[in-house]
Protein backbone atom coordinates (compact mmCIF):
# COMPACT_ATOMS: atom_id res chain seq x y z
CA UNK A 1 110.96 -24.60 -158.78
CA UNK A 2 110.27 -26.10 -162.20
CA UNK A 3 113.37 -24.35 -163.53
CA UNK A 4 115.46 -25.83 -160.69
CA UNK A 5 114.14 -29.33 -161.41
CA UNK A 6 114.86 -28.89 -165.11
CA UNK A 7 118.40 -27.69 -164.39
CA UNK A 8 119.02 -30.62 -162.04
CA UNK A 9 117.67 -33.10 -164.60
CA UNK A 10 119.91 -31.56 -167.28
CA UNK A 11 122.96 -31.66 -165.03
CA UNK A 12 122.38 -35.37 -164.37
CA UNK A 13 122.56 -36.06 -168.12
CA UNK A 14 126.04 -34.52 -168.39
CA UNK A 15 129.11 -36.61 -167.59
CA UNK A 16 131.20 -34.27 -165.43
CA UNK A 17 134.27 -36.47 -165.83
CA UNK A 18 134.17 -36.23 -169.62
CA UNK A 19 135.50 -33.68 -172.08
CA UNK A 20 133.07 -33.83 -175.00
CA UNK A 21 133.92 -33.24 -178.63
CA UNK A 22 132.31 -30.07 -179.98
CA UNK A 23 129.78 -32.00 -182.07
CA UNK A 24 128.87 -34.33 -179.18
CA UNK A 25 128.37 -31.36 -176.86
CA UNK A 26 126.05 -29.64 -179.34
CA UNK A 27 124.09 -32.83 -179.93
CA UNK A 28 123.70 -33.20 -176.16
CA UNK A 29 122.23 -29.68 -176.00
CA UNK A 30 119.21 -30.98 -177.93
CA UNK A 31 118.77 -33.95 -175.59
CA UNK A 32 118.57 -31.95 -172.36
CA UNK A 33 115.26 -30.86 -170.80
CA UNK A 34 114.24 -27.57 -172.40
CA UNK A 35 112.73 -24.34 -171.18
CA UNK A 36 109.42 -22.92 -172.42
CA UNK A 37 111.21 -20.57 -174.81
CA UNK A 38 113.85 -20.92 -177.52
CA UNK A 39 117.01 -20.69 -175.43
CA UNK A 40 120.22 -19.11 -176.68
CA UNK A 41 123.21 -21.41 -177.03
CA UNK A 42 126.41 -19.87 -175.66
CA UNK A 43 130.06 -20.77 -175.88
CA UNK A 44 132.63 -19.78 -173.26
CA UNK A 45 136.31 -19.96 -174.19
CA UNK A 46 138.90 -19.64 -171.43
CA UNK A 47 142.15 -18.30 -172.90
CA UNK A 48 145.70 -18.35 -171.61
CA UNK A 49 146.12 -14.60 -171.84
CA UNK A 50 146.39 -11.76 -169.33
CA UNK A 51 143.92 -9.11 -170.55
CA UNK A 52 145.44 -6.55 -168.18
CA UNK A 53 148.21 -6.24 -170.78
CA UNK A 54 147.11 -4.43 -173.94
CA UNK A 55 149.22 -6.69 -176.13
CA UNK A 56 147.27 -9.72 -174.89
CA UNK A 57 143.80 -8.35 -175.54
CA UNK A 58 141.79 -10.67 -177.81
CA UNK A 59 138.98 -8.89 -179.61
CA UNK A 60 137.29 -9.03 -182.97
CA UNK A 61 134.11 -9.62 -184.94
CA UNK A 62 132.88 -12.38 -187.23
CA UNK A 63 129.80 -13.12 -189.30
CA UNK A 64 128.41 -16.46 -188.09
CA UNK A 65 127.64 -18.63 -191.16
CA UNK A 66 124.27 -19.74 -189.78
CA UNK A 67 123.30 -16.41 -188.21
CA UNK A 68 122.37 -15.86 -184.57
CA UNK A 69 118.64 -16.49 -184.66
CA UNK A 70 118.15 -13.07 -183.13
CA UNK A 71 116.94 -9.84 -184.67
CA UNK A 72 119.74 -7.26 -184.38
CA UNK A 73 118.49 -3.68 -183.93
CA UNK A 74 120.93 -1.24 -185.51
CA UNK A 75 121.46 2.48 -185.08
CA UNK A 76 123.55 4.25 -187.72
CA UNK A 77 125.04 7.72 -187.34
CA UNK A 78 125.38 9.07 -190.86
CA UNK A 79 124.25 11.92 -193.11
CA UNK A 80 123.59 12.62 -196.76
CA UNK A 81 124.05 9.71 -199.15
CA UNK A 82 125.36 7.50 -196.34
CA UNK A 83 122.14 8.02 -194.39
CA UNK A 84 120.15 6.84 -197.42
CA UNK A 85 122.53 3.88 -197.88
CA UNK A 86 122.00 2.79 -194.26
CA UNK A 87 118.21 3.02 -194.57
CA UNK A 88 118.20 0.96 -197.77
CA UNK A 89 120.41 -1.68 -196.12
CA UNK A 90 117.85 -2.15 -193.35
CA UNK A 91 119.10 -0.03 -190.43
CA UNK A 92 116.45 0.46 -187.76
CA UNK A 93 117.35 4.06 -186.89
CA UNK A 94 119.52 6.50 -188.85
CA UNK A 95 120.45 10.07 -188.03
CA UNK A 96 122.79 12.28 -186.07
CA UNK A 97 122.34 14.86 -183.32
CA UNK A 98 118.68 13.98 -182.76
CA UNK A 99 119.51 10.32 -182.01
CA UNK A 100 122.44 11.35 -179.79
CA UNK A 101 120.13 13.64 -177.83
CA UNK A 102 117.57 10.88 -177.42
CA UNK A 103 120.23 8.53 -176.01
CA UNK A 104 121.81 11.19 -173.82
CA UNK A 105 118.70 12.93 -172.50
CA UNK A 106 116.06 10.22 -172.53
CA UNK A 107 118.21 7.18 -171.77
CA UNK A 108 117.01 5.49 -174.96
CA UNK A 109 118.91 2.23 -175.52
CA UNK A 110 116.57 0.05 -177.58
CA UNK A 111 119.25 -1.15 -180.00
CA UNK A 112 121.95 -3.82 -180.16
CA UNK A 113 124.64 -2.30 -182.40
CA UNK A 114 125.85 1.20 -183.29
CA UNK A 115 127.52 1.95 -186.63
CA UNK A 116 128.93 5.34 -187.62
CA UNK A 117 130.72 6.99 -190.49
CA UNK A 118 134.08 8.52 -189.44
CA UNK A 119 132.78 12.08 -189.85
CA UNK A 120 130.02 11.40 -187.30
CA UNK A 121 132.32 10.21 -184.52
CA UNK A 122 132.44 13.71 -183.07
CA UNK A 123 128.72 13.29 -182.35
CA UNK A 124 129.01 9.67 -181.18
CA UNK A 125 132.02 10.52 -179.01
CA UNK A 126 129.77 12.52 -176.68
CA UNK A 127 127.97 9.25 -175.86
CA UNK A 128 131.07 7.41 -174.67
CA UNK A 129 129.97 7.21 -171.04
CA UNK A 130 126.67 5.65 -172.06
CA UNK A 131 127.72 3.40 -174.94
CA UNK A 132 131.19 2.42 -173.74
CA UNK A 133 130.26 0.42 -170.62
CA UNK A 134 127.61 -1.44 -172.64
CA UNK A 135 130.05 -2.44 -175.38
CA UNK A 136 128.13 -0.38 -177.94
CA UNK A 137 130.75 2.20 -178.88
CA UNK A 138 131.61 2.02 -182.62
CA UNK A 139 135.14 0.82 -183.33
CA UNK A 140 137.04 0.81 -186.65
CA UNK A 141 138.70 -2.53 -185.74
CA UNK A 142 135.25 -4.12 -185.48
CA UNK A 143 134.00 -2.60 -188.70
CA UNK A 144 131.48 -0.37 -186.96
CA UNK A 145 133.24 2.88 -187.89
CA UNK A 146 133.18 2.80 -191.66
CA UNK A 147 132.12 4.60 -194.82
CA UNK A 148 130.69 1.32 -196.11
CA UNK A 149 127.64 1.56 -193.85
CA UNK A 150 125.44 -0.47 -196.17
CA UNK A 151 127.67 -3.53 -195.95
CA UNK A 152 128.16 -3.06 -192.20
CA UNK A 153 124.39 -3.02 -191.66
CA UNK A 154 123.84 -6.11 -193.81
CA UNK A 155 126.62 -8.04 -192.03
CA UNK A 156 125.27 -7.20 -188.60
CA UNK A 157 121.73 -8.06 -189.65
CA UNK A 158 122.87 -11.43 -191.01
CA UNK A 159 124.70 -12.63 -187.90
CA UNK A 160 127.82 -10.63 -187.15
CA UNK A 161 128.94 -11.04 -183.55
CA UNK A 162 131.69 -9.37 -181.57
CA UNK A 163 133.97 -11.24 -179.19
CA UNK A 164 136.18 -9.81 -176.48
CA UNK A 165 138.11 -11.45 -173.68
CA UNK A 166 136.90 -10.30 -170.26
CA UNK A 167 139.02 -9.52 -167.19
CA UNK A 168 139.08 -13.23 -166.31
CA UNK A 169 140.45 -14.23 -169.71
CA UNK A 170 137.12 -15.64 -170.94
CA UNK A 171 135.23 -14.97 -174.17
CA UNK A 172 131.44 -15.41 -174.06
CA UNK A 173 129.51 -15.45 -177.34
CA UNK A 174 126.00 -16.55 -178.36
CA UNK A 175 126.31 -18.96 -181.29
CA UNK A 176 122.63 -19.47 -182.08
CA UNK A 177 119.37 -20.83 -180.72
CA UNK A 178 118.46 -24.23 -179.35
CA UNK A 179 116.05 -24.60 -182.28
CA UNK A 180 119.06 -24.60 -184.64
CA UNK A 181 120.06 -28.08 -185.77
CA UNK A 182 123.44 -29.43 -184.67
CA UNK A 183 125.12 -28.66 -188.01
CA UNK A 184 124.15 -24.97 -187.85
CA UNK A 185 125.41 -24.64 -184.29
CA UNK A 186 128.57 -26.54 -185.21
CA UNK A 187 129.36 -24.29 -188.18
CA UNK A 188 128.90 -21.19 -186.00
CA UNK A 189 131.01 -22.59 -183.15
CA UNK A 190 133.83 -23.61 -185.47
CA UNK A 191 133.82 -20.22 -187.20
CA UNK A 192 134.12 -18.44 -183.85
CA UNK A 193 136.83 -20.77 -182.52
CA UNK A 194 138.85 -20.38 -185.72
CA UNK A 195 138.57 -16.59 -185.47
CA UNK A 196 139.72 -16.64 -181.85
CA UNK A 197 142.64 -18.92 -182.76
CA UNK A 198 143.72 -16.52 -185.52
CA UNK A 199 143.53 -13.64 -183.04
CA UNK A 200 146.08 -15.27 -180.70
CA UNK A 201 148.47 -12.56 -179.47
CA UNK A 202 152.12 -13.07 -180.29
CA UNK A 203 152.92 -12.48 -176.60
CA UNK A 204 150.65 -15.30 -175.40
CA UNK A 205 152.76 -18.08 -173.87
CA UNK A 206 151.84 -21.64 -172.95
CA UNK A 207 148.40 -23.11 -173.64
CA UNK A 208 146.24 -20.57 -175.49
CA UNK A 209 142.82 -22.26 -175.57
CA UNK A 210 142.57 -23.70 -172.05
CA UNK A 211 138.89 -24.55 -171.58
CA UNK A 212 135.69 -24.48 -173.64
CA UNK A 213 132.12 -24.90 -172.42
CA UNK A 214 128.75 -24.96 -174.18
CA UNK A 215 125.52 -24.00 -172.38
CA UNK A 216 121.98 -22.84 -173.00
CA UNK A 217 120.31 -19.86 -171.30
CA UNK A 218 118.81 -22.00 -168.54
CA UNK A 219 121.15 -25.00 -168.68
CA UNK A 220 124.41 -26.17 -167.12
CA UNK A 221 127.74 -26.03 -168.92
CA UNK A 222 129.04 -28.91 -171.03
CA UNK A 223 132.86 -29.15 -170.99
CA UNK A 224 134.42 -29.45 -174.45
CA UNK A 225 137.86 -30.83 -175.22
CA UNK A 226 139.84 -27.91 -176.73
CA UNK A 227 141.87 -30.47 -178.68
CA UNK A 228 138.72 -31.83 -180.34
CA UNK A 229 137.09 -28.72 -181.74
CA UNK A 230 138.05 -29.11 -185.40
């Protein structure tokens, strides 16, 4: 019940008739009643694309300048010198068949990102049914299939996030924690929005960035004016 009261109190502070600037919305986040934990701040971007068409899929990855505020647990599939490189870069788990067997046979999924060298994709490929639906399958376009595993690990540890438009044309990404100051959240939000703008498909017609909303884990959405996100 306390959560419901807090949500209601937060909703009453938000002007539903207003489209906030990005900075005003993020400042408002800090003024709303807060939960008993450090909530994640999320951004939802509604795009004018039809993701059913492959040429209108919007997907990519970006390193948030202020990080995510979350510890990213990384599994790397590599061998030889690349295995050593991944360990030295701070990967949480590194290996090959033994990790694949653990995921496949024991249902082990205590990690947030999977990185693999190209020569290990034959091993990782067997895990497609497990990793794919969870968005964990390594992908060269996202920099998670690479020979430069050291850099990939460091980027993901320092705040690299992936974005992908869902079936409703919406991108959801965590841009930090409520404990971040407004400037940190603002730099992360702007970096993401700029990346999404650059990823606009050539076949997208009409208004591309239709709606934007900011919210915390337990809070209501704050509508942002897409024309005032610079």
